[in-house]
PDB file of N, CA and C in Angstrom:
ATOM      1  N   MET A   1     138.769  55.140 -60.350  1.00  0.00           N
ATOM      2  CA  MET A   1     138.181  56.448 -60.504  1.00  0.00           C
ATOM      3  C   MET A   1     138.805  57.399 -59.484  1.00  0.00           C
ATOM      4  N   LEU A   2     139.148  58.590 -59.937  1.00  0.00           N
ATOM      5  CA  LEU A   2     139.765  59.589 -59.069  1.00  0.00           C
ATOM      6  C   LEU A   2     138.717  60.294 -58.210  1.00  0.00           C
ATOM      7  N   THR A   3     139.100  60.623 -56.990  1.00  0.00           N
ATOM      8  CA  THR A   3     138.241  61.448 -56.154  1.00  0.00           C
ATOM      9  C   THR A   3     138.351  62.892 -56.634  1.00  0.00           C
ATOM     10  N   HIS A   4     137.461  63.738 -56.165  1.00  0.00           N
ATOM     11  CA  HIS A   4     137.515  65.154 -56.539  1.00  0.00           C
ATOM     12  C   HIS A   4     138.852  65.759 -56.133  1.00  0.00           C
ATOM     13  N   LYS A   5     139.307  65.446 -54.935  1.00  0.00           N
ATOM     14  CA  LYS A   5     140.575  65.994 -54.441  1.00  0.00           C
ATOM     15  C   LYS A   5     141.751  65.538 -55.310  1.00  0.00           C
ATOM     16  N   GLN A   6     141.762  64.267 -55.692  1.00  0.00           N
ATOM     17  CA  GLN A   6     142.834  63.742 -56.537  1.00  0.00           C
ATOM     18  C   GLN A   6     142.802  64.391 -57.925  1.00  0.00           C
ATOM     19  N   LEU A   7     141.605  64.546 -58.469  1.00  0.00           N
ATOM     20  CA  LEU A   7     141.461  65.162 -59.785  1.00  0.00           C
ATOM     21  C   LEU A   7     141.924  66.622 -59.747  1.00  0.00           C
ATOM     22  N   ARG A   8     141.553  67.341 -58.692  1.00  0.00           N
ATOM     23  CA  ARG A   8     141.977  68.735 -58.549  1.00  0.00           C
ATOM     24  C   ARG A   8     143.500  68.829 -58.457  1.00  0.00           C
ATOM     25  N   THR A   9     144.105  67.995 -57.641  1.00  0.00           N
ATOM     26  CA  THR A   9     145.563  67.991 -57.483  1.00  0.00           C
ATOM     27  C   THR A   9     146.243  67.714 -58.822  1.00  0.00           C
ATOM     28  N   LYS A  10     145.722  66.756 -59.551  1.00  0.00           N
ATOM     29  CA  LYS A  10     146.287  66.403 -60.860  1.00  0.00           C
ATOM     30  C   LYS A  10     146.130  67.569 -61.849  1.00  0.00           C
ATOM     31  N   ALA A  11     144.951  68.172 -61.886  1.00  0.00           N
ATOM     32  CA  ALA A  11     144.685  69.269 -62.821  1.00  0.00           C
ATOM     33  C   ALA A  11     145.561  70.479 -62.520  1.00  0.00           C
ATOM     34  N   LEU A  12     145.765  70.766 -61.227  1.00  0.00           N
ATOM     35  CA  LEU A  12     146.534  71.957 -60.847  1.00  0.00           C
ATOM     36  C   LEU A  12     148.029  71.822 -61.134  1.00  0.00           C
ATOM     37  N   LYS A  13     148.478  70.660 -61.566  1.00  0.00           N
ATOM     38  CA  LYS A  13     149.868  70.495 -61.983  1.00  0.00           C
ATOM     39  C   LYS A  13     150.118  71.161 -63.332  1.00  0.00           C
ATOM     40  N   SER A  14     149.046  71.386 -64.086  1.00  0.00           N
ATOM     41  CA  SER A  14     149.155  72.067 -65.373  1.00  0.00           C
ATOM     42  C   SER A  14     149.293  73.563 -65.116  1.00  0.00           C
ATOM     43  N   PRO A  15     150.346  74.206 -65.654  1.00  0.00           N
ATOM     44  CA  PRO A  15     150.528  75.649 -65.441  1.00  0.00           C
ATOM     45  C   PRO A  15     149.338  76.485 -65.918  1.00  0.00           C
ATOM     46  N   GLU A  16     148.706  76.086 -67.022  1.00  0.00           N
ATOM     47  CA  GLU A  16     147.564  76.832 -67.542  1.00  0.00           C
ATOM     48  C   GLU A  16     146.362  76.724 -66.600  1.00  0.00           C
ATOM     49  N   VAL A  17     146.105  75.527 -66.119  1.00  0.00           N
ATOM     50  CA  VAL A  17     144.982  75.316 -65.198  1.00  0.00           C
ATOM     51  C   VAL A  17     145.244  76.051 -63.884  1.00  0.00           C
ATOM     52  N   LYS A  18     146.470  75.961 -63.393  1.00  0.00           N
ATOM     53  CA  LYS A  18     146.831  76.621 -62.126  1.00  0.00           C
ATOM     54  C   LYS A  18     146.672  78.134 -62.249  1.00  0.00           C
ATOM     55  N   ALA A  19     147.089  78.713 -63.351  1.00  0.00           N
ATOM     56  CA  ALA A  19     146.972  80.162 -63.550  1.00  0.00           C
ATOM     57  C   ALA A  19     145.505  80.597 -63.549  1.00  0.00           C
ATOM     58  N   GLU A  20     144.663  79.855 -64.241  1.00  0.00           N
ATOM     59  CA  GLU A  20     143.229  80.181 -64.287  1.00  0.00           C
ATOM     60  C   GLU A  20     142.595  80.000 -62.909  1.00  0.00           C
ATOM     61  N   PHE A  21     142.959  78.934 -62.231  1.00  0.00           N
ATOM     62  CA  PHE A  21     142.436  78.668 -60.886  1.00  0.00           C
ATOM     63  C   PHE A  21     142.819  79.804 -59.936  1.00  0.00           C
ATOM     64  N   ASP A  22     144.069  80.226 -59.994  1.00  0.00           N
ATOM     65  CA  ASP A  22     144.543  81.310 -59.129  1.00  0.00           C
ATOM     66  C   ASP A  22     143.808  82.614 -59.435  1.00  0.00           C
ATOM     67  N   GLN A  23     143.507  82.830 -60.705  1.00  0.00           N
ATOM     68  CA  GLN A  23     142.810  84.047 -61.120  1.00  0.00           C
ATOM     69  C   GLN A  23     141.386  84.083 -60.555  1.00  0.00           C
ATOM     70  N   LEU A  24     140.804  82.923 -60.317  1.00  0.00           N
ATOM     71  CA  LEU A  24     139.434  82.842 -59.812  1.00  0.00           C
ATOM     72  C   LEU A  24     139.365  82.640 -58.298  1.00  0.00           C
ATOM     73  N   ALA A  25     140.480  82.747 -57.605  1.00  0.00           N
ATOM     74  CA  ALA A  25     140.535  82.485 -56.169  1.00  0.00           C
ATOM     75  C   ALA A  25     139.572  83.361 -55.373  1.00  0.00           C
ATOM     76  N   ASP A  26     139.464  84.639 -55.710  1.00  0.00           N
ATOM     77  CA  ASP A  26     138.548  85.530 -54.988  1.00  0.00           C
ATOM     78  C   ASP A  26     137.096  85.075 -55.159  1.00  0.00           C
ATOM     79  N   GLU A  27     136.745  84.694 -56.374  1.00  0.00           N
ATOM     80  CA  GLU A  27     135.380  84.231 -56.635  1.00  0.00           C
ATOM     81  C   GLU A  27     135.088  82.958 -55.849  1.00  0.00           C
ATOM     82  N   PHE A  28     136.021  82.011 -55.867  1.00  0.00           N
ATOM     83  CA  PHE A  28     135.816  80.765 -55.124  1.00  0.00           C
ATOM     84  C   PHE A  28     135.676  81.047 -53.634  1.00  0.00           C
ATOM     85  N   SER A  29     136.448  81.980 -53.142  1.00  0.00           N
ATOM     86  CA  SER A  29     136.399  82.346 -51.728  1.00  0.00           C
ATOM     87  C   SER A  29     135.030  82.923 -51.363  1.00  0.00           C
ATOM     88  N   LEU A  30     134.492  83.793 -52.199  1.00  0.00           N
ATOM     89  CA  LEU A  30     133.187  84.375 -51.946  1.00  0.00           C
ATOM     90  C   LEU A  30     132.101  83.301 -51.959  1.00  0.00           C
ATOM     91  N   LEU A  31     132.137  82.429 -52.941  1.00  0.00           N
ATOM     92  CA  LEU A  31     131.139  81.367 -53.025  1.00  0.00           C
ATOM     93  C   LEU A  31     131.217  80.459 -51.800  1.00  0.00           C
ATOM     94  N   GLU A  32     132.415  80.185 -51.334  1.00  0.00           N
ATOM     95  CA  GLU A  32     132.582  79.368 -50.130  1.00  0.00           C
ATOM     96  C   GLU A  32     131.986  80.068 -48.911  1.00  0.00           C
ATOM     97  N   GLU A  33     132.144  81.398 -48.839  1.00  0.00           N
ATOM     98  CA  GLU A  33     131.539  82.160 -47.740  1.00  0.00           C
ATOM     99  C   GLU A  33     130.020  82.036 -47.771  1.00  0.00           C
ATOM    100  N   PHE A  34     129.415  82.128 -48.955  1.00  0.00           N
ATOM    101  CA  PHE A  34     127.974  81.969 -49.086  1.00  0.00           C
ATOM    102  C   PHE A  34     127.540  80.624 -48.502  1.00  0.00           C
ATOM    103  N   LEU A  35     128.203  79.575 -48.943  1.00  0.00           N
ATOM    104  CA  LEU A  35     127.816  78.225 -48.517  1.00  0.00           C
ATOM    105  C   LEU A  35     128.005  78.026 -47.016  1.00  0.00           C
ATOM    106  N   LYS A  36     129.116  78.499 -46.479  1.00  0.00           N
ATOM    107  CA  LYS A  36     129.378  78.364 -45.043  1.00  0.00           C
ATOM    108  C   LYS A  36     128.357  79.134 -44.212  1.00  0.00           C
ATOM    109  N   ALA A  37     128.021  80.352 -44.651  1.00  0.00           N
ATOM    110  CA  ALA A  37     127.054  81.169 -43.909  1.00  0.00           C
ATOM    111  C   ALA A  37     125.678  80.515 -43.919  1.00  0.00           C
ATOM    112  N   ARG A  38     125.273  79.970 -45.055  1.00  0.00           N
ATOM    113  CA  ARG A  38     123.965  79.308 -45.140  1.00  0.00           C
ATOM    114  C   ARG A  38     123.941  78.055 -44.277  1.00  0.00           C
ATOM    115  N   ALA A  39     125.031  77.282 -44.337  1.00  0.00           N
ATOM    116  CA  ALA A  39     125.111  76.062 -43.525  1.00  0.00           C
ATOM    117  C   ALA A  39     125.103  76.401 -42.035  1.00  0.00           C
ATOM    118  N   ALA A  40     125.791  77.471 -41.652  1.00  0.00           N
ATOM    119  CA  ALA A  40     125.849  77.872 -40.247  1.00  0.00           C
ATOM    120  C   ALA A  40     124.459  78.236 -39.721  1.00  0.00           C
ATOM    121  N   GLN A  41     123.591  78.749 -40.592  1.00  0.00           N
ATOM    122  CA  GLN A  41     122.234  79.103 -40.198  1.00  0.00           C
ATOM    123  C   GLN A  41     121.281  77.917 -40.308  1.00  0.00           C
ATOM    124  N   GLY A  42     121.771  76.818 -40.890  1.00  0.00           N
ATOM    125  CA  GLY A  42     120.938  75.624 -41.047  1.00  0.00           C
ATOM    126  C   GLY A  42     119.802  75.816 -42.031  1.00  0.00           C
ATOM    127  N   LEU A  43     120.045  76.660 -43.038  1.00  0.00           N
ATOM    128  CA  LEU A  43     119.019  76.961 -44.033  1.00  0.00           C
ATOM    129  C   LEU A  43     119.262  76.214 -45.337  1.00  0.00           C
ATOM    130  N   THR A  44     118.179  75.865 -46.006  1.00  0.00           N
ATOM    131  CA  THR A  44     118.279  75.279 -47.341  1.00  0.00           C
ATOM    132  C   THR A  44     118.245  76.408 -48.369  1.00  0.00           C
ATOM    133  N   GLN A  45     118.607  76.076 -49.591  1.00  0.00           N
ATOM    134  CA  GLN A  45     118.507  77.061 -50.672  1.00  0.00           C
ATOM    135  C   GLN A  45     117.060  77.518 -50.833  1.00  0.00           C
ATOM    136  N   ALA A  46     116.125  76.601 -50.699  1.00  0.00           N
ATOM    137  CA  ALA A  46     114.703  76.942 -50.844  1.00  0.00           C
ATOM    138  C   ALA A  46     114.264  77.926 -49.764  1.00  0.00           C
ATOM    139  N   GLN A  47     114.744  77.740 -48.547  1.00  0.00           N
ATOM    140  CA  GLN A  47     114.380  78.656 -47.465  1.00  0.00           C
ATOM    141  C   GLN A  47     114.946  80.056 -47.708  1.00  0.00           C
ATOM    142  N   VAL A  48     116.197  80.129 -48.157  1.00  0.00           N
ATOM    143  CA  VAL A  48     116.797  81.430 -48.463  1.00  0.00           C
ATOM    144  C   VAL A  48     116.028  82.076 -49.610  1.00  0.00           C
ATOM    145  N   ALA A  49     115.711  81.306 -50.630  1.00  0.00           N
ATOM    146  CA  ALA A  49     114.981  81.831 -51.786  1.00  0.00           C
ATOM    147  C   ALA A  49     113.643  82.422 -51.365  1.00  0.00           C
ATOM    148  N   LYS A  50     112.914  81.716 -50.526  1.00  0.00           N
ATOM    149  CA  LYS A  50     111.613  82.217 -50.062  1.00  0.00           C
ATOM    150  C   LYS A  50     111.785  83.532 -49.296  1.00  0.00           C
ATOM    151  N   THR A  51     112.801  83.601 -48.452  1.00  0.00           N
ATOM    152  CA  THR A  51     113.049  84.797 -47.652  1.00  0.00           C
ATOM    153  C   THR A  51     113.338  86.014 -48.525  1.00  0.00           C
ATOM    154  N   ILE A  52     114.080  85.821 -49.610  1.00  0.00           N
ATOM    155  CA  ILE A  52     114.457  86.973 -50.443  1.00  0.00           C
ATOM    156  C   ILE A  52     113.585  87.135 -51.687  1.00  0.00           C
ATOM    157  N   GLY A  53     112.575  86.273 -51.817  1.00  0.00           N
ATOM    158  CA  GLY A  53     111.623  86.425 -52.913  1.00  0.00           C
ATOM    159  C   GLY A  53     112.104  85.962 -54.267  1.00  0.00           C
ATOM    160  N   THR A  54     112.770  84.819 -54.298  1.00  0.00           N
ATOM    161  CA  THR A  54     113.224  84.265 -55.577  1.00  0.00           C
ATOM    162  C   THR A  54     113.028  82.757 -55.544  1.00  0.00           C
ATOM    163  N   THR A  55     113.634  82.058 -56.480  1.00  0.00           N
ATOM    164  CA  THR A  55     113.487  80.602 -56.559  1.00  0.00           C
ATOM    165  C   THR A  55     114.733  79.894 -56.033  1.00  0.00           C
ATOM    166  N   GLN A  56     114.546  78.647 -55.661  1.00  0.00           N
ATOM    167  CA  GLN A  56     115.672  77.828 -55.198  1.00  0.00           C
ATOM    168  C   GLN A  56     116.711  77.695 -56.296  1.00  0.00           C
ATOM    169  N   SER A  57     116.278  77.556 -57.544  1.00  0.00           N
ATOM    170  CA  SER A  57     117.241  77.389 -58.640  1.00  0.00           C
ATOM    171  C   SER A  57     118.081  78.653 -58.835  1.00  0.00           C
ATOM    172  N   ALA A  58     117.503  79.830 -58.590  1.00  0.00           N
ATOM    173  CA  ALA A  58     118.263  81.076 -58.701  1.00  0.00           C
ATOM    174  C   ALA A  58     119.333  81.143 -57.612  1.00  0.00           C
ATOM    175  N   VAL A  59     118.991  80.706 -56.410  1.00  0.00           N
ATOM    176  CA  VAL A  59     119.973  80.676 -55.322  1.00  0.00           C
ATOM    177  C   VAL A  59     121.068  79.663 -55.657  1.00  0.00           C
ATOM    178  N   ALA A  60     120.691  78.522 -56.202  1.00  0.00           N
ATOM    179  CA  ALA A  60     121.687  77.506 -56.584  1.00  0.00           C
ATOM    180  C   ALA A  60     122.647  78.061 -57.632  1.00  0.00           C
ATOM    181  N   ARG A  61     122.129  78.786 -58.619  1.00  0.00           N
ATOM    182  CA  ARG A  61     122.997  79.377 -59.646  1.00  0.00           C
ATOM    183  C   ARG A  61     123.958  80.377 -59.030  1.00  0.00           C
ATOM    184  N   MET A  62     123.448  81.197 -58.111  1.00  0.00           N
ATOM    185  CA  MET A  62     124.309  82.188 -57.478  1.00  0.00           C
ATOM    186  C   MET A  62     125.414  81.500 -56.676  1.00  0.00           C
ATOM    187  N   GLU A  63     125.051  80.484 -55.920  1.00  0.00           N
ATOM    188  CA  GLU A  63     126.034  79.787 -55.092  1.00  0.00           C
ATOM    189  C   GLU A  63     127.041  78.995 -55.918  1.00  0.00           C
ATOM    190  N   SER A  64     126.675  78.620 -57.128  1.00  0.00           N
ATOM    191  CA  SER A  64     127.593  77.860 -57.968  1.00  0.00           C
ATOM    192  C   SER A  64     128.544  78.769 -58.740  1.00  0.00           C
ATOM    193  N   GLY A  65     128.159  80.034 -58.918  1.00  0.00           N
ATOM    194  CA  GLY A  65     128.989  80.958 -59.681  1.00  0.00           C
ATOM    195  C   GLY A  65     128.927  80.722 -61.173  1.00  0.00           C
ATOM    196  N   ARG A  66     127.972  79.945 -61.644  1.00  0.00           N
ATOM    197  CA  ARG A  66     127.892  79.607 -63.067  1.00  0.00           C
ATOM    198  C   ARG A  66     126.953  80.504 -63.852  1.00  0.00           C
ATOM    199  N   GLY A  67     126.431  81.518 -63.212  1.00  0.00           N
ATOM    200  CA  GLY A  67     125.471  82.378 -63.881  1.00  0.00           C
ATOM    201  C   GLY A  67     126.104  83.275 -64.924  1.00  0.00           C
ATOM    202  N   LYS A  68     125.272  83.829 -65.764  1.00  0.00           N
ATOM    203  CA  LYS A  68     125.746  84.720 -66.822  1.00  0.00           C
ATOM    204  C   LYS A  68     125.725  86.174 -66.388  1.00  0.00           C
ATOM    205  N   HIS A  69     125.037  86.469 -65.288  1.00  0.00           N
ATOM    206  CA  HIS A  69     124.886  87.847 -64.841  1.00  0.00           C
ATOM    207  C   HIS A  69     125.334  87.985 -63.396  1.00  0.00           C
ATOM    208  N   SER A  70     125.899  89.116 -63.088  1.00  0.00           N
ATOM    209  CA  SER A  70     126.308  89.393 -61.718  1.00  0.00           C
ATOM    210  C   SER A  70     125.115  89.922 -60.936  1.00  0.00           C
ATOM    211  N   PRO A  71     124.993  89.526 -59.677  1.00  0.00           N
ATOM    212  CA  PRO A  71     123.883  90.035 -58.877  1.00  0.00           C
ATOM    213  C   PRO A  71     124.103  91.504 -58.514  1.00  0.00           C
ATOM    214  N   SER A  72     123.020  92.208 -58.273  1.00  0.00           N
ATOM    215  CA  SER A  72     123.125  93.591 -57.825  1.00  0.00           C
ATOM    216  C   SER A  72     123.553  93.594 -56.359  1.00  0.00           C
ATOM    217  N   LEU A  73     124.030  94.744 -55.907  1.00  0.00           N
ATOM    218  CA  LEU A  73     124.376  94.869 -54.492  1.00  0.00           C
ATOM    219  C   LEU A  73     123.137  94.669 -53.624  1.00  0.00           C
ATOM    220  N   ALA A  74     121.981  95.115 -54.112  1.00  0.00           N
ATOM    221  CA  ALA A  74     120.734  94.928 -53.364  1.00  0.00           C
ATOM    222  C   ALA A  74     120.427  93.440 -53.190  1.00  0.00           C
ATOM    223  N   THR A  75     120.624  92.659 -54.238  1.00  0.00           N
ATOM    224  CA  THR A  75     120.382  91.213 -54.158  1.00  0.00           C
ATOM    225  C   THR A  75     121.355  90.554 -53.193  1.00  0.00           C
ATOM    226  N   LEU A  76     122.624  90.911 -53.293  1.00  0.00           N
ATOM    227  CA  LEU A  76     123.615  90.341 -52.371  1.00  0.00           C
ATOM    228  C   LEU A  76     123.308  90.734 -50.934  1.00  0.00           C
ATOM    229  N   SER A  77     122.827  91.940 -50.746  1.00  0.00           N
ATOM    230  CA  SER A  77     122.468  92.408 -49.406  1.00  0.00           C
ATOM    231  C   SER A  77     121.283  91.611 -48.860  1.00  0.00           C
ATOM    232  N   LYS A  78     120.278  91.346 -49.694  1.00  0.00           N
ATOM    233  CA  LYS A  78     119.128  90.527 -49.283  1.00  0.00           C
ATOM    234  C   LYS A  78     119.590  89.116 -48.901  1.00  0.00           C
ATOM    235  N   TYR A  79     120.472  88.557 -49.708  1.00  0.00           N
ATOM    236  CA  TYR A  79     120.993  87.216 -49.436  1.00  0.00           C
ATOM    237  C   TYR A  79     121.704  87.217 -48.079  1.00  0.00           C
ATOM    238  N   ALA A  80     122.556  88.203 -47.850  1.00  0.00           N
ATOM    239  CA  ALA A  80     123.280  88.301 -46.582  1.00  0.00           C
ATOM    240  C   ALA A  80     122.303  88.434 -45.416  1.00  0.00           C
ATOM    241  N   ASP A  81     121.297  89.295 -45.565  1.00  0.00           N
ATOM    242  CA  ASP A  81     120.293  89.471 -44.512  1.00  0.00           C
ATOM    243  C   ASP A  81     119.591  88.158 -44.185  1.00  0.00           C
ATOM    244  N   ALA A  82     119.249  87.396 -45.227  1.00  0.00           N
ATOM    245  CA  ALA A  82     118.568  86.112 -45.026  1.00  0.00           C
ATOM    246  C   ALA A  82     119.420  85.142 -44.223  1.00  0.00           C
ATOM    247  N   LEU A  83     120.734  85.332 -44.259  1.00  0.00           N
ATOM    248  CA  LEU A  83     121.652  84.449 -43.539  1.00  0.00           C
ATOM    249  C   LEU A  83     122.091  85.038 -42.206  1.00  0.00           C
ATOM    250  N   GLY A  84     121.492  86.157 -41.852  1.00  0.00           N
ATOM    251  CA  GLY A  84     121.876  86.801 -40.594  1.00  0.00           C
ATOM    252  C   GLY A  84     123.232  87.471 -40.679  1.00  0.00           C
ATOM    253  N   CYS A  85     123.590  87.885 -41.879  1.00  0.00           N
ATOM    254  CA  CYS A  85     124.896  88.515 -42.107  1.00  0.00           C
ATOM    255  C   CYS A  85     124.715  89.926 -42.650  1.00  0.00           C
ATOM    256  N   LYS A  86     125.806  90.670 -42.675  1.00  0.00           N
ATOM    257  CA  LYS A  86     125.835  92.004 -43.268  1.00  0.00           C
ATOM    258  C   LYS A  86     126.794  91.954 -44.451  1.00  0.00           C
ATOM    259  N   LEU A  87     126.368  92.484 -45.570  1.00  0.00           N
ATOM    260  CA  LEU A  87     127.217  92.527 -46.755  1.00  0.00           C
ATOM    261  C   LEU A  87     128.191  93.682 -46.638  1.00  0.00           C
ATOM    262  N   GLU A  88     129.473  93.417 -46.869  1.00  0.00           N
ATOM    263  CA  GLU A  88     130.494  94.463 -46.913  1.00  0.00           C
ATOM    264  C   GLU A  88     131.207  94.379 -48.249  1.00  0.00           C
ATOM    265  N   VAL A  89     131.310  95.512 -48.914  1.00  0.00           N
ATOM    266  CA  VAL A  89     132.027  95.587 -50.187  1.00  0.00           C
ATOM    267  C   VAL A  89     133.139  96.595 -49.993  1.00  0.00           C
ATOM    268  N   ARG A  90     134.360  96.219 -50.339  1.00  0.00           N
ATOM    269  CA  ARG A  90     135.482  97.137 -50.172  1.00  0.00           C
ATOM    270  C   ARG A  90     136.519  96.899 -51.239  1.00  0.00           C
ATOM    271  N   LEU A  91     137.326  97.909 -51.451  1.00  0.00           N
ATOM    272  CA  LEU A  91     138.445  97.798 -52.382  1.00  0.00           C
ATOM    273  C   LEU A  91     139.700  97.472 -51.591  1.00  0.00           C
ATOM    274  N   VAL A  92     140.467  96.528 -52.083  1.00  0.00           N
ATOM    275  CA  VAL A  92     141.709  96.127 -51.439  1.00  0.00           C
ATOM    276  C   VAL A  92     142.815  96.219 -52.481  1.00  0.00           C
ATOM    277  N   ARG A  93     143.846  96.969 -52.184  1.00  0.00           N
ATOM    278  CA  ARG A  93     144.950  97.145 -53.125  1.00  0.00           C
ATOM    279  C   ARG A  93     145.628  95.797 -53.374  1.00  0.00           C
ATOM    280  N   ARG A  94     145.871  95.508 -54.631  1.00  0.00           N
ATOM    281  CA  ARG A  94     146.561  94.267 -55.012  1.00  0.00           C
ATOM    282  C   ARG A  94     148.029  94.372 -54.638  1.00  0.00           C
ATOM    283  N   SER A  95     148.621  93.243 -54.312  1.00  0.00           N
ATOM    284  CA  SER A  95     150.040  93.239 -53.971  1.00  0.00           C
ATOM    285  C   SER A  95     150.904  93.414 -55.212  1.00  0.00           C
ATOM    286  N   ARG A  96     150.355  93.043 -56.369  1.00  0.00           N
ATOM    287  CA  ARG A  96     151.059  93.232 -57.634  1.00  0.00           C
ATOM    288  C   ARG A  96     150.031  93.558 -58.709  1.00  0.00           C
ATOM    289  N   PRO A  97     150.405  94.322 -59.718  1.00  0.00           N
ATOM    290  CA  PRO A  97     149.454  94.686 -60.772  1.00  0.00           C
ATOM    291  C   PRO A  97     148.988  93.454 -61.550  1.00  0.00           C
ATOM    292  N   VAL A  98     147.778  93.512 -62.031  1.00  0.00           N
ATOM    293  CA  VAL A  98     147.232  92.432 -62.845  1.00  0.00           C
ATOM    294  C   VAL A  98     147.497  92.751 -64.301  1.00  0.00           C
ATOM    295  N   LYS A  99     148.053  91.795 -65.022  1.00  0.00           N
ATOM    296  CA  LYS A  99     148.331  91.989 -66.446  1.00  0.00           C
ATOM    297  C   LYS A  99     147.063  91.770 -67.245  1.00  0.00           C
ATOM    298  N   ASN A 100     146.914  92.553 -68.312  1.00  0.00           N
ATOM    299  CA  ASN A 100     145.782  92.420 -69.233  1.00  0.00           C
ATOM    300  C   ASN A 100     144.442  92.505 -68.529  1.00  0.00           C
ATOM    301  N   SER A 101     144.337  93.336 -67.528  1.00  0.00           N
ATOM    302  CA  SER A 101     143.080  93.486 -66.800  1.00  0.00           C
ATOM    303  C   SER A 101     142.196  94.498 -67.505  1.00  0.00           C
ATOM    304  N   SER A 102     140.905  94.203 -67.555  1.00  0.00           N
ATOM    305  CA  SER A 102     139.942  95.152 -68.097  1.00  0.00           C
ATOM    306  C   SER A 102     138.660  95.059 -67.295  1.00  0.00           C
ATOM    307  N   VAL A 103     137.824  96.057 -67.421  1.00  0.00           N
ATOM    308  CA  VAL A 103     136.569  96.082 -66.680  1.00  0.00           C
ATOM    309  C   VAL A 103     135.696  94.897 -67.054  1.00  0.00           C
ATOM    310  N   HIS A 104     135.777  94.447 -68.288  1.00  0.00           N
ATOM    311  CA  HIS A 104     134.923  93.359 -68.749  1.00  0.00           C
ATOM    312  C   HIS A 104     135.629  92.013 -68.715  1.00  0.00           C
ATOM    313  N   SER A 105     136.669  91.897 -67.954  1.00  0.00           N
ATOM    314  CA  SER A 105     137.417  90.654 -67.845  1.00  0.00           C
ATOM    315  C   SER A 105     136.581  89.574 -67.187  1.00  0.00           C
ATOM    316  N   SER A 106     136.851  88.328 -67.506  1.00  0.00           N
ATOM    317  CA  SER A 106     136.135  87.212 -66.886  1.00  0.00           C
ATOM    318  C   SER A 106     136.705  86.880 -65.521  1.00  0.00           C
ATOM    319  N   SER A 107     137.675  87.641 -65.042  1.00  0.00           N
ATOM    320  CA  SER A 107     138.297  87.331 -63.761  1.00  0.00           C
ATOM    321  C   SER A 107     137.821  88.247 -62.645  1.00  0.00           C
ATOM    322  N   HIS A 108     136.574  88.717 -62.715  1.00  0.00           N
ATOM    323  CA  HIS A 108     136.032  89.539 -61.641  1.00  0.00           C
ATOM    324  C   HIS A 108     136.035  88.752 -60.345  1.00  0.00           C
ATOM    325  N   ALA A 109     136.203  89.459 -59.230  1.00  0.00           N
ATOM    326  CA  ALA A 109     136.187  88.810 -57.928  1.00  0.00           C
ATOM    327  C   ALA A 109     134.810  88.230 -57.618  1.00  0.00           C
ATOM    328  N   VAL A 110     133.758  88.841 -58.110  1.00  0.00           N
ATOM    329  CA  VAL A 110     132.406  88.353 -57.859  1.00  0.00           C
ATOM    330  C   VAL A 110     131.735  88.125 -59.181  1.00  0.00           C
ATOM    331  N   ARG A 111     131.270  86.910 -59.394  1.00  0.00           N
ATOM    332  CA  ARG A 111     130.521  86.596 -60.597  1.00  0.00           C
ATOM    333  C   ARG A 111     129.452  85.595 -60.221  1.00  0.00           C
ATOM    334  N   ALA A 112     128.215  85.995 -60.206  1.00  0.00           N
ATOM    335  CA  ALA A 112     127.123  85.110 -59.864  1.00  0.00           C
ATOM    336  C   ALA A 112     125.925  85.503 -60.713  1.00  0.00           C
ATOM    337  N   VAL A 113     124.746  85.102 -60.326  1.00  0.00           N
ATOM    338  CA  VAL A 113     123.571  85.402 -61.134  1.00  0.00           C
ATOM    339  C   VAL A 113     122.645  86.338 -60.393  1.00  0.00           C
ATOM    340  N   GLU A 114     121.875  87.083 -61.162  1.00  0.00           N
ATOM    341  CA  GLU A 114     120.839  87.940 -60.575  1.00  0.00           C
ATOM    342  C   GLU A 114     119.734  87.045 -60.038  1.00  0.00           C
ATOM    343  N   LEU A 115     119.362  87.278 -58.803  1.00  0.00           N
ATOM    344  CA  LEU A 115     118.289  86.465 -58.206  1.00  0.00           C
ATOM    345  C   LEU A 115     116.940  87.041 -58.546  1.00  0.00           C
TER     346      LEU A 115
END
């Protein structure tokens, strides 16, 4: 049986998988920041949920990035506050243009669920 790391390495050898993975790099980075910030505070998902007035399962969906809806800036700000952080949103110029980009593309930098 392959480990997660071995499976990822094997999958990323496929040009199609690698392209999709690269397209989601910003989203993965944001989700990793969420998890690291929560771990640094020693908080559980349930504790964060209680602090911001939602459920543990809603926090889990947001942290997994598997939700169907993007959270509002207010929700992200509450989440950041619960972790002792400040939410910053900024535009950063891309080093190269994105092909076939649209506002409703599935490759948004942030994709999570409404808490």
